[in-house]
């Protein structure tokens, strides 16, 4: 009697490569932002080669360049919404002050 033939194992799927260069949120140049991660110092930095803007954050063993860039974008959006809120509150204060002057 013969042996049964072993079924061929499926080749493991390769994970897609994540981006390592990104577009700058300030100057909008594509591929100008590069991310560096220093695990000894626990620092991750994203910097634009064109306009020299940069962002630093804390790093850990699972930090990837796309994570650093994503945090930078989140911080930019947060800063922009804070500015919009402060401008709106300034307009409200002016409107209320104008109403008080009329009375």
Protein backbone atom coordinates (compact mmCIF):
# COMPACT_ATOMS: atom_id res chain seq x y z
CA UNK A 1 0.00 0.00 0.00
CA UNK A 2 1.19 3.48 -0.83
CA UNK A 3 1.31 6.58 1.25
CA UNK A 4 -1.24 9.30 0.88
CA UNK A 5 0.03 12.36 -0.86
CA UNK A 6 0.38 15.34 1.41
CA UNK A 7 -1.62 18.39 0.42
CA UNK A 8 0.45 21.33 -0.60
CA UNK A 9 0.38 24.11 1.95
CA UNK A 10 -0.72 27.49 0.71
CA UNK A 11 2.04 30.05 0.58
CA UNK A 12 1.75 32.61 3.36
CA UNK A 13 0.23 35.88 2.21
CA UNK A 14 2.58 38.81 2.19
CA UNK A 15 1.41 41.83 4.12
CA UNK A 16 1.16 44.95 2.00
CA UNK A 17 3.98 47.43 2.50
CA UNK A 18 3.00 50.62 4.28
CA UNK A 19 3.95 54.01 2.87
CA UNK A 20 7.15 55.59 4.13
CA UNK A 21 6.99 58.97 2.39
CA UNK A 22 3.98 61.26 2.59
CA UNK A 23 2.69 64.63 1.39
CA UNK A 24 3.30 67.63 3.62
CA UNK A 25 0.23 69.14 5.33
CA UNK A 26 1.79 72.63 5.06
CA UNK A 27 3.35 72.87 1.58
CA UNK A 28 1.44 69.95 -0.06
CA UNK A 29 4.50 68.51 -1.82
CA UNK A 30 3.92 64.82 -2.48
CA UNK A 31 6.49 62.47 -1.00
CA UNK A 32 8.40 65.21 0.83
CA UNK A 33 7.71 64.03 4.40
CA UNK A 34 9.93 61.28 5.76
CA UNK A 35 9.58 59.66 9.16
CA UNK A 36 12.38 58.47 11.41
CA UNK A 37 11.96 56.39 14.54
CA UNK A 38 14.64 56.09 17.22
CA UNK A 39 13.62 53.34 19.63
CA UNK A 40 16.65 53.87 21.87
CA UNK A 41 15.56 57.42 22.63
CA UNK A 42 11.85 56.55 22.21
CA UNK A 43 11.34 59.43 19.75
CA UNK A 44 9.63 59.45 16.37
CA UNK A 45 9.91 62.41 14.00
CA UNK A 46 8.24 63.37 10.73
CA UNK A 47 9.91 66.15 8.75
CA UNK A 48 9.28 67.81 5.40
CA UNK A 49 12.34 68.12 3.15
CA UNK A 50 10.89 71.12 1.29
CA UNK A 51 9.46 73.52 3.90
CA UNK A 52 11.39 72.09 6.89
CA UNK A 53 8.27 71.69 9.07
CA UNK A 54 8.57 68.83 11.53
CA UNK A 55 6.66 66.96 14.20
CA UNK A 56 8.01 64.82 17.07
CA UNK A 57 6.24 62.36 19.31
CA UNK A 58 6.97 59.50 21.66
CA UNK A 59 7.64 56.13 20.06
CA UNK A 60 7.25 52.55 21.21
CA UNK A 61 8.07 49.15 19.78
CA UNK A 62 4.99 49.05 17.53
CA UNK A 63 5.34 52.57 16.11
CA UNK A 64 5.41 52.73 12.30
CA UNK A 65 6.06 55.75 10.03
CA UNK A 66 2.41 55.87 9.02
CA UNK A 67 1.44 56.17 12.70
CA UNK A 68 3.75 59.17 13.18
CA UNK A 69 2.37 60.88 10.07
CA UNK A 70 -1.20 60.17 11.17
CA UNK A 71 -0.57 61.73 14.58
CA UNK A 72 0.91 64.79 12.88
CA UNK A 73 -2.16 65.21 10.70
CA UNK A 74 -4.43 64.78 13.75
CA UNK A 75 -2.50 67.47 15.66
CA UNK A 76 -2.75 69.83 12.67
CA UNK A 77 -6.52 69.32 12.48
CA UNK A 78 -6.85 69.81 16.24
CA UNK A 79 -4.86 73.06 16.09
CA UNK A 80 -7.01 74.32 13.21
CA UNK A 81 -10.29 73.58 15.02
CA UNK A 82 -8.97 75.31 18.16
CA UNK A 83 -8.17 78.41 16.09
CA UNK A 84 -11.64 78.39 14.52
CA UNK A 85 -13.25 78.09 17.96
CA UNK A 86 -11.22 80.98 19.37
CA UNK A 87 -12.05 83.17 16.37
CA UNK A 88 -15.75 82.39 16.73
CA UNK A 89 -15.68 83.19 20.43
CA UNK A 90 -13.93 86.52 19.67
CA UNK A 91 -16.72 87.41 17.25
CA UNK A 92 -19.33 86.50 19.84
CA UNK A 93 -17.62 88.70 22.45
CA UNK A 94 -17.53 91.60 19.99
CA UNK A 95 -21.21 91.13 19.13
CA UNK A 96 -22.15 91.08 22.81
CA UNK A 97 -20.01 94.16 23.48
CA UNK A 98 -21.68 96.00 20.58
CA UNK A 99 -25.11 95.11 21.97
CA UNK A 100 -24.14 96.48 25.39
CA UNK A 101 -22.97 99.77 23.85
CA UNK A 102 -26.34 100.25 22.07
CA UNK A 103 -28.35 100.05 25.31
